[in-house]
Amino acid sequence: MKPSPCSNRTQQGGTTPGLPRRQQLSVKITDEACERFRRLARAHGLTLGDLFEQALDAWETQRSANGGSTRSGGTALSPAPRRWT
């Protein structure tokens, strides 16, 4: 089985000080979501990568607190309904 390109976080960077980021993620989002994300990053003095990692951490923490499901609480980190265009 081919290893994941993200499998070794100590070499990939992330929030570990002094390590470079080596991954890029491209996603299709609305203009509104993009502006919200950038506004949050600016307001808290974070890079987009750091905010992304914090959002993942918060989502995983909330998922664990909800017994594995984020949908029941209807929180900001719950998955939005998919709209295919």
PDB file of N, CA and C in Angstrom:
ATOM      1  N   MET A   1       0.848  -1.181   0.000  1.00  0.00           N
ATOM      2  CA  MET A   1       0.000   0.000   0.000  1.00  0.00           C
ATOM      3  C   MET A   1       0.894   1.245   0.000  1.00  0.00           C
ATOM      4  N   LYS A   2       0.535   2.211  -0.807  1.00  0.00           N
ATOM      5  CA  LYS A   2       1.290   3.448  -0.926  1.00  0.00           C
ATOM      6  C   LYS A   2       1.054   4.317   0.312  1.00  0.00           C
ATOM      7  N   PRO A   3       2.121   4.837   0.956  1.00  0.00           N
ATOM      8  CA  PRO A   3       1.927   5.681   2.138  1.00  0.00           C
ATOM      9  C   PRO A   3       1.302   7.024   1.780  1.00  0.00           C
ATOM     10  N   SER A   4       0.547   7.565   2.710  1.00  0.00           N
ATOM     11  CA  SER A   4      -0.081   8.866   2.516  1.00  0.00           C
ATOM     12  C   SER A   4       0.974   9.959   2.505  1.00  0.00           C
ATOM     13  N   PRO A   5       0.840  10.969   1.650  1.00  0.00           N
ATOM     14  CA  PRO A   5       1.810  12.068   1.656  1.00  0.00           C
ATOM     15  C   PRO A   5       1.735  12.901   2.932  1.00  0.00           C
ATOM     16  N   CYS A   6       0.677  12.727   3.709  1.00  0.00           N
ATOM     17  CA  CYS A   6       0.523  13.493   4.943  1.00  0.00           C
ATOM     18  C   CYS A   6       0.790  12.647   6.186  1.00  0.00           C
ATOM     19  N   SER A   7       1.321  11.444   6.024  1.00  0.00           N
ATOM     20  CA  SER A   7       1.404  10.507   7.135  1.00  0.00           C
ATOM     21  C   SER A   7       2.442  10.879   8.183  1.00  0.00           C
ATOM     22  N   ASN A   8       3.476  11.601   7.854  1.00  0.00           N
ATOM     23  CA  ASN A   8       4.515  11.916   8.827  1.00  0.00           C
ATOM     24  C   ASN A   8       4.480  13.399   9.161  1.00  0.00           C
ATOM     25  N   ARG A   9       3.654  13.763  10.145  1.00  0.00           N
ATOM     26  CA  ARG A   9       3.460  15.166  10.476  1.00  0.00           C
ATOM     27  C   ARG A   9       4.724  15.826  11.005  1.00  0.00           C
ATOM     28  N   THR A  10       5.634  15.092  11.619  1.00  0.00           N
ATOM     29  CA  THR A  10       6.841  15.736  12.122  1.00  0.00           C
ATOM     30  C   THR A  10       7.701  16.241  10.974  1.00  0.00           C
ATOM     31  N   GLN A  11       7.595  15.630   9.807  1.00  0.00           N
ATOM     32  CA  GLN A  11       8.337  16.112   8.656  1.00  0.00           C
ATOM     33  C   GLN A  11       7.523  17.079   7.810  1.00  0.00           C
ATOM     34  N   GLN A  12       6.220  17.081   7.968  1.00  0.00           N
ATOM     35  CA  GLN A  12       5.375  17.924   7.132  1.00  0.00           C
ATOM     36  C   GLN A  12       5.239  19.349   7.655  1.00  0.00           C
ATOM     37  N   GLY A  13       5.603  19.584   8.895  1.00  0.00           N
ATOM     38  CA  GLY A  13       5.476  20.944   9.405  1.00  0.00           C
ATOM     39  C   GLY A  13       4.302  21.066  10.326  1.00  0.00           C
ATOM     40  N   GLY A  14       3.258  21.707   9.879  1.00  0.00           N
ATOM     41  CA  GLY A  14       2.106  21.934  10.749  1.00  0.00           C
ATOM     42  C   GLY A  14       2.429  23.025  11.732  1.00  0.00           C
ATOM     43  N   THR A  15       1.942  22.899  12.934  1.00  0.00           N
ATOM     44  CA  THR A  15       2.164  23.944  13.921  1.00  0.00           C
ATOM     45  C   THR A  15       3.454  23.743  14.700  1.00  0.00           C
ATOM     46  N   THR A  16       4.255  22.743  14.341  1.00  0.00           N
ATOM     47  CA  THR A  16       5.528  22.534  15.008  1.00  0.00           C
ATOM     48  C   THR A  16       6.477  23.660  14.616  1.00  0.00           C
ATOM     49  N   PRO A  17       6.957  24.438  15.608  1.00  0.00           N
ATOM     50  CA  PRO A  17       7.829  25.570  15.292  1.00  0.00           C
ATOM     51  C   PRO A  17       9.077  25.152  14.526  1.00  0.00           C
ATOM     52  N   GLY A  18       9.437  25.943  13.557  1.00  0.00           N
ATOM     53  CA  GLY A  18      10.678  25.736  12.836  1.00  0.00           C
ATOM     54  C   GLY A  18      10.604  24.778  11.664  1.00  0.00           C
ATOM     55  N   LEU A  19       9.496  24.095  11.486  1.00  0.00           N
ATOM     56  CA  LEU A  19       9.394  23.167  10.370  1.00  0.00           C
ATOM     57  C   LEU A  19       8.587  23.798   9.241  1.00  0.00           C
ATOM     58  N   PRO A  20       9.062  23.661   8.012  1.00  0.00           N
ATOM     59  CA  PRO A  20       8.336  24.260   6.886  1.00  0.00           C
ATOM     60  C   PRO A  20       7.089  23.458   6.528  1.00  0.00           C
ATOM     61  N   ARG A  21       6.173  24.131   5.916  1.00  0.00           N
ATOM     62  CA  ARG A  21       4.983  23.464   5.404  1.00  0.00           C
ATOM     63  C   ARG A  21       5.322  22.927   4.022  1.00  0.00           C
ATOM     64  N   ARG A  22       4.878  21.708   3.761  1.00  0.00           N
ATOM     65  CA  ARG A  22       5.214  21.089   2.486  1.00  0.00           C
ATOM     66  C   ARG A  22       4.005  20.570   1.739  1.00  0.00           C
ATOM     67  N   GLN A  23       2.837  20.831   2.219  1.00  0.00           N
ATOM     68  CA  GLN A  23       1.630  20.353   1.568  1.00  0.00           C
ATOM     69  C   GLN A  23       0.767  21.533   1.165  1.00  0.00           C
ATOM     70  N   GLN A  24       0.046  21.365   0.097  1.00  0.00           N
ATOM     71  CA  GLN A  24      -0.906  22.384  -0.339  1.00  0.00           C
ATOM     72  C   GLN A  24      -2.230  21.690  -0.568  1.00  0.00           C
ATOM     73  N   LEU A  25      -3.304  22.336  -0.117  1.00  0.00           N
ATOM     74  CA  LEU A  25      -4.643  21.785  -0.270  1.00  0.00           C
ATOM     75  C   LEU A  25      -5.469  22.801  -1.038  1.00  0.00           C
ATOM     76  N   SER A  26      -6.092  22.339  -2.089  1.00  0.00           N
ATOM     77  CA  SER A  26      -6.929  23.214  -2.892  1.00  0.00           C
ATOM     78  C   SER A  26      -8.365  22.724  -2.776  1.00  0.00           C
ATOM     79  N   VAL A  27      -9.253  23.629  -2.395  1.00  0.00           N
ATOM     80  CA  VAL A  27     -10.662  23.277  -2.246  1.00  0.00           C
ATOM     81  C   VAL A  27     -11.520  24.315  -2.947  1.00  0.00           C
ATOM     82  N   LYS A  28     -12.673  23.889  -3.410  1.00  0.00           N
ATOM     83  CA  LYS A  28     -13.621  24.830  -4.015  1.00  0.00           C
ATOM     84  C   LYS A  28     -14.604  25.259  -2.936  1.00  0.00           C
ATOM     85  N   ILE A  29     -14.646  26.555  -2.677  1.00  0.00           N
ATOM     86  CA  ILE A  29     -15.534  27.107  -1.663  1.00  0.00           C
ATOM     87  C   ILE A  29     -16.186  28.365  -2.223  1.00  0.00           C
ATOM     88  N   THR A  30     -17.196  28.827  -1.526  1.00  0.00           N
ATOM     89  CA  THR A  30     -17.871  30.049  -1.971  1.00  0.00           C
ATOM     90  C   THR A  30     -17.002  31.257  -1.643  1.00  0.00           C
ATOM     91  N   ASP A  31     -17.277  32.364  -2.321  1.00  0.00           N
ATOM     92  CA  ASP A  31     -16.572  33.610  -2.019  1.00  0.00           C
ATOM     93  C   ASP A  31     -16.797  34.002  -0.562  1.00  0.00           C
ATOM     94  N   GLU A  32     -18.022  33.797  -0.088  1.00  0.00           N
ATOM     95  CA  GLU A  32     -18.351  34.145   1.304  1.00  0.00           C
ATOM     96  C   GLU A  32     -17.530  33.322   2.296  1.00  0.00           C
ATOM     97  N   ALA A  33     -17.408  32.026   2.059  1.00  0.00           N
ATOM     98  CA  ALA A  33     -16.633  31.173   2.955  1.00  0.00           C
ATOM     99  C   ALA A  33     -15.158  31.565   2.932  1.00  0.00           C
ATOM    100  N   CYS A  34     -14.660  31.895   1.750  1.00  0.00           N
ATOM    101  CA  CYS A  34     -13.269  32.316   1.628  1.00  0.00           C
ATOM    102  C   CYS A  34     -13.014  33.590   2.426  1.00  0.00           C
ATOM    103  N   GLU A  35     -13.902  34.560   2.282  1.00  0.00           N
ATOM    104  CA  GLU A  35     -13.747  35.817   3.012  1.00  0.00           C
ATOM    105  C   GLU A  35     -13.848  35.589   4.523  1.00  0.00           C
ATOM    106  N   ARG A  36     -14.792  34.756   4.963  1.00  0.00           N
ATOM    107  CA  ARG A  36     -14.928  34.452   6.394  1.00  0.00           C
ATOM    108  C   ARG A  36     -13.639  33.842   6.933  1.00  0.00           C
ATOM    109  N   PHE A  37     -13.074  32.889   6.183  1.00  0.00           N
ATOM    110  CA  PHE A  37     -11.867  32.204   6.619  1.00  0.00           C
ATOM    111  C   PHE A  37     -10.691  33.176   6.714  1.00  0.00           C
ATOM    112  N   ARG A  38     -10.527  33.997   5.681  1.00  0.00           N
ATOM    113  CA  ARG A  38      -9.432  34.970   5.682  1.00  0.00           C
ATOM    114  C   ARG A  38      -9.615  36.029   6.786  1.00  0.00           C
ATOM    115  N   ARG A  39     -10.863  36.462   6.997  1.00  0.00           N
ATOM    116  CA  ARG A  39     -11.147  37.437   8.046  1.00  0.00           C
ATOM    117  C   ARG A  39     -10.797  36.868   9.419  1.00  0.00           C
ATOM    118  N   LEU A  40     -11.159  35.610   9.668  1.00  0.00           N
ATOM    119  CA  LEU A  40     -10.812  34.975  10.943  1.00  0.00           C
ATOM    120  C   LEU A  40      -9.296  34.897  11.132  1.00  0.00           C
ATOM    121  N   ALA A  41      -8.592  34.506  10.082  1.00  0.00           N
ATOM    122  CA  ALA A  41      -7.131  34.404  10.170  1.00  0.00           C
ATOM    123  C   ALA A  41      -6.514  35.760  10.496  1.00  0.00           C
ATOM    124  N   ARG A  42      -6.951  36.797   9.767  1.00  0.00           N
ATOM    125  CA  ARG A  42      -6.410  38.145  10.023  1.00  0.00           C
ATOM    126  C   ARG A  42      -6.727  38.613  11.434  1.00  0.00           C
ATOM    127  N   ALA A  43      -7.964  38.393  11.870  1.00  0.00           N
ATOM    128  CA  ALA A  43      -8.397  38.868  13.190  1.00  0.00           C
ATOM    129  C   ALA A  43      -7.595  38.235  14.317  1.00  0.00           C
ATOM    130  N   HIS A  44      -7.116  37.025  14.106  1.00  0.00           N
ATOM    131  CA  HIS A  44      -6.386  36.317  15.159  1.00  0.00           C
ATOM    132  C   HIS A  44      -4.890  36.234  14.882  1.00  0.00           C
ATOM    133  N   GLY A  45      -4.437  36.906  13.832  1.00  0.00           N
ATOM    134  CA  GLY A  45      -3.012  36.931  13.521  1.00  0.00           C
ATOM    135  C   GLY A  45      -2.449  35.565  13.147  1.00  0.00           C
ATOM    136  N   LEU A  46      -3.259  34.764  12.446  1.00  0.00           N
ATOM    137  CA  LEU A  46      -2.847  33.416  12.066  1.00  0.00           C
ATOM    138  C   LEU A  46      -2.627  33.324  10.567  1.00  0.00           C
ATOM    139  N   THR A  47      -1.783  32.390  10.178  1.00  0.00           N
ATOM    140  CA  THR A  47      -1.694  32.059   8.763  1.00  0.00           C
ATOM    141  C   THR A  47      -2.923  31.217   8.422  1.00  0.00           C
ATOM    142  N   LEU A  48      -3.220  31.105   7.136  1.00  0.00           N
ATOM    143  CA  LEU A  48      -4.354  30.279   6.725  1.00  0.00           C
ATOM    144  C   LEU A  48      -4.124  28.821   7.126  1.00  0.00           C
ATOM    145  N   GLY A  49      -2.896  28.357   7.031  1.00  0.00           N
ATOM    146  CA  GLY A  49      -2.571  26.982   7.424  1.00  0.00           C
ATOM    147  C   GLY A  49      -2.790  26.740   8.904  1.00  0.00           C
ATOM    148  N   ASP A  50      -2.364  27.709   9.736  1.00  0.00           N
ATOM    149  CA  ASP A  50      -2.567  27.557  11.179  1.00  0.00           C
ATOM    150  C   ASP A  50      -4.047  27.562  11.544  1.00  0.00           C
ATOM    151  N   LEU A  51      -4.823  28.439  10.902  1.00  0.00           N
ATOM    152  CA  LEU A  51      -6.259  28.465  11.168  1.00  0.00           C
ATOM    153  C   LEU A  51      -6.902  27.150  10.733  1.00  0.00           C
ATOM    154  N   PHE A  52      -6.490  26.613   9.596  1.00  0.00           N
ATOM    155  CA  PHE A  52      -7.008  25.338   9.116  1.00  0.00           C
ATOM    156  C   PHE A  52      -6.737  24.241  10.142  1.00  0.00           C
ATOM    157  N   GLU A  53      -5.510  24.187  10.658  1.00  0.00           N
ATOM    158  CA  GLU A  53      -5.164  23.163  11.649  1.00  0.00           C
ATOM    159  C   GLU A  53      -5.958  23.339  12.934  1.00  0.00           C
ATOM    160  N   GLN A  54      -6.168  24.582  13.362  1.00  0.00           N
ATOM    161  CA  GLN A  54      -6.968  24.815  14.560  1.00  0.00           C
ATOM    162  C   GLN A  54      -8.421  24.413  14.338  1.00  0.00           C
ATOM    163  N   ALA A  55      -8.933  24.649  13.141  1.00  0.00           N
ATOM    164  CA  ALA A  55     -10.303  24.243  12.832  1.00  0.00           C
ATOM    165  C   ALA A  55     -10.426  22.721  12.863  1.00  0.00           C
ATOM    166  N   LEU A  56      -9.433  22.018  12.320  1.00  0.00           N
ATOM    167  CA  LEU A  56      -9.442  20.551  12.386  1.00  0.00           C
ATOM    168  C   LEU A  56      -9.407  20.066  13.826  1.00  0.00           C
ATOM    169  N   ASP A  57      -8.541  20.668  14.636  1.00  0.00           N
ATOM    170  CA  ASP A  57      -8.453  20.282  16.046  1.00  0.00           C
ATOM    171  C   ASP A  57      -9.782  20.505  16.756  1.00  0.00           C
ATOM    172  N   ALA A  58     -10.406  21.653  16.506  1.00  0.00           N
ATOM    173  CA  ALA A  58     -11.689  21.967  17.149  1.00  0.00           C
ATOM    174  C   ALA A  58     -12.771  21.002  16.689  1.00  0.00           C
ATOM    175  N   TRP A  59     -12.787  20.674  15.409  1.00  0.00           N
ATOM    176  CA  TRP A  59     -13.785  19.757  14.878  1.00  0.00           C
ATOM    177  C   TRP A  59     -13.626  18.377  15.505  1.00  0.00           C
ATOM    178  N   GLU A  60     -12.380  17.895  15.591  1.00  0.00           N
ATOM    179  CA  GLU A  60     -12.141  16.584  16.194  1.00  0.00           C
ATOM    180  C   GLU A  60     -12.501  16.572  17.673  1.00  0.00           C
ATOM    181  N   THR A  61     -12.174  17.648  18.387  1.00  0.00           N
ATOM    182  CA  THR A  61     -12.523  17.741  19.813  1.00  0.00           C
ATOM    183  C   THR A  61     -14.030  17.726  19.988  1.00  0.00           C
ATOM    184  N   GLN A  62     -14.721  18.499  19.188  1.00  0.00           N
ATOM    185  CA  GLN A  62     -16.178  18.547  19.287  1.00  0.00           C
ATOM    186  C   GLN A  62     -16.792  17.213  18.907  1.00  0.00           C
ATOM    187  N   ARG A  63     -16.257  16.576  17.909  1.00  0.00           N
ATOM    188  CA  ARG A  63     -16.776  15.273  17.482  1.00  0.00           C
ATOM    189  C   ARG A  63     -16.637  14.262  18.608  1.00  0.00           C
ATOM    190  N   SER A  64     -15.501  14.274  19.277  1.00  0.00           N
ATOM    191  CA  SER A  64     -15.293  13.363  20.405  1.00  0.00           C
ATOM    192  C   SER A  64     -16.270  13.667  21.539  1.00  0.00           C
ATOM    193  N   ALA A  65     -16.499  14.936  21.805  1.00  0.00           N
ATOM    194  CA  ALA A  65     -17.410  15.334  22.886  1.00  0.00           C
ATOM    195  C   ALA A  65     -18.856  14.962  22.576  1.00  0.00           C
ATOM    196  N   ASN A  66     -19.200  14.876  21.284  1.00  0.00           N
ATOM    197  CA  ASN A  66     -20.559  14.525  20.871  1.00  0.00           C
ATOM    198  C   ASN A  66     -20.710  13.042  20.591  1.00  0.00           C
ATOM    199  N   GLY A  67     -19.789  12.243  21.048  1.00  0.00           N
ATOM    200  CA  GLY A  67     -19.878  10.815  20.814  1.00  0.00           C
ATOM    201  C   GLY A  67     -19.627  10.415  19.375  1.00  0.00           C
ATOM    202  N   GLY A  68     -18.843  11.214  18.666  1.00  0.00           N
ATOM    203  CA  GLY A  68     -18.488  10.878  17.296  1.00  0.00           C
ATOM    204  C   GLY A  68     -19.315  11.561  16.233  1.00  0.00           C
ATOM    205  N   SER A  69     -20.301  12.354  16.627  1.00  0.00           N
ATOM    206  CA  SER A  69     -21.134  13.007  15.627  1.00  0.00           C
ATOM    207  C   SER A  69     -21.197  14.498  15.880  1.00  0.00           C
ATOM    208  N   THR A  70     -20.981  15.283  14.842  1.00  0.00           N
ATOM    209  CA  THR A  70     -21.118  16.735  14.975  1.00  0.00           C
ATOM    210  C   THR A  70     -22.446  17.213  14.438  1.00  0.00           C
ATOM    211  N   ARG A  71     -23.197  16.345  13.798  1.00  0.00           N
ATOM    212  CA  ARG A  71     -24.439  16.774  13.165  1.00  0.00           C
ATOM    213  C   ARG A  71     -25.540  17.090  14.178  1.00  0.00           C
ATOM    214  N   SER A  72     -25.586  16.408  15.296  1.00  0.00           N
ATOM    215  CA  SER A  72     -26.695  16.583  16.230  1.00  0.00           C
ATOM    216  C   SER A  72     -26.728  17.967  16.864  1.00  0.00           C
ATOM    217  N   GLY A  73     -25.569  18.555  17.072  1.00  0.00           N
ATOM    218  CA  GLY A  73     -25.531  19.849  17.735  1.00  0.00           C
ATOM    219  C   GLY A  73     -25.784  21.019  16.814  1.00  0.00           C
ATOM    220  N   GLY A  74     -25.639  20.832  15.521  1.00  0.00           N
ATOM    221  CA  GLY A  74     -25.853  21.918  14.582  1.00  0.00           C
ATOM    222  C   GLY A  74     -24.884  23.070  14.766  1.00  0.00           C
ATOM    223  N   THR A  75     -23.648  22.770  15.121  1.00  0.00           N
ATOM    224  CA  THR A  75     -22.671  23.805  15.397  1.00  0.00           C
ATOM    225  C   THR A  75     -22.038  24.320  14.116  1.00  0.00           C
ATOM    226  N   ALA A  76     -21.242  25.360  14.271  1.00  0.00           N
ATOM    227  CA  ALA A  76     -20.562  25.955  13.123  1.00  0.00           C
ATOM    228  C   ALA A  76     -19.605  24.974  12.455  1.00  0.00           C
ATOM    229  N   LEU A  77     -19.152  23.960  13.194  1.00  0.00           N
ATOM    230  CA  LEU A  77     -18.218  23.016  12.622  1.00  0.00           C
ATOM    231  C   LEU A  77     -18.906  21.795  12.031  1.00  0.00           C
ATOM    232  N   SER A  78     -20.218  21.759  12.071  1.00  0.00           N
ATOM    233  CA  SER A  78     -20.950  20.649  11.465  1.00  0.00           C
ATOM    234  C   SER A  78     -20.861  20.756   9.950  1.00  0.00           C
ATOM    235  N   PRO A  79     -20.845  19.618   9.279  1.00  0.00           N
ATOM    236  CA  PRO A  79     -20.791  19.672   7.821  1.00  0.00           C
ATOM    237  C   PRO A  79     -22.008  20.362   7.245  1.00  0.00           C
ATOM    238  N   ALA A  80     -21.782  21.218   6.277  1.00  0.00           N
ATOM    239  CA  ALA A  80     -22.889  21.892   5.598  1.00  0.00           C
ATOM    240  C   ALA A  80     -23.482  20.926   4.578  1.00  0.00           C
ATOM    241  N   PRO A  81     -24.729  21.112   4.243  1.00  0.00           N
ATOM    242  CA  PRO A  81     -25.322  20.257   3.204  1.00  0.00           C
ATOM    243  C   PRO A  81     -24.573  20.438   1.894  1.00  0.00           C
ATOM    244  N   ARG A  82     -24.394  19.363   1.170  1.00  0.00           N
ATOM    245  CA  ARG A  82     -23.680  19.427  -0.115  1.00  0.00           C
ATOM    246  C   ARG A  82     -24.599  19.974  -1.187  1.00  0.00           C
ATOM    247  N   ARG A  83     -24.077  20.913  -1.950  1.00  0.00           N
ATOM    248  CA  ARG A  83     -24.796  21.465  -3.089  1.00  0.00           C
ATOM    249  C   ARG A  83     -23.929  21.289  -4.309  1.00  0.00           C
ATOM    250  N   TRP A  84     -24.289  20.364  -5.153  1.00  0.00           N
ATOM    251  CA  TRP A  84     -23.493  20.103  -6.360  1.00  0.00           C
ATOM    252  C   TRP A  84     -24.007  20.973  -7.492  1.00  0.00           C
ATOM    253  N   THR A  85     -23.066  21.592  -8.183  1.00  0.00           N
ATOM    254  CA  THR A  85     -23.460  22.422  -9.322  1.00  0.00           C
ATOM    255  C   THR A  85     -22.819  21.934 -10.587  1.00  0.00           C
TER     256      THR A  85
END
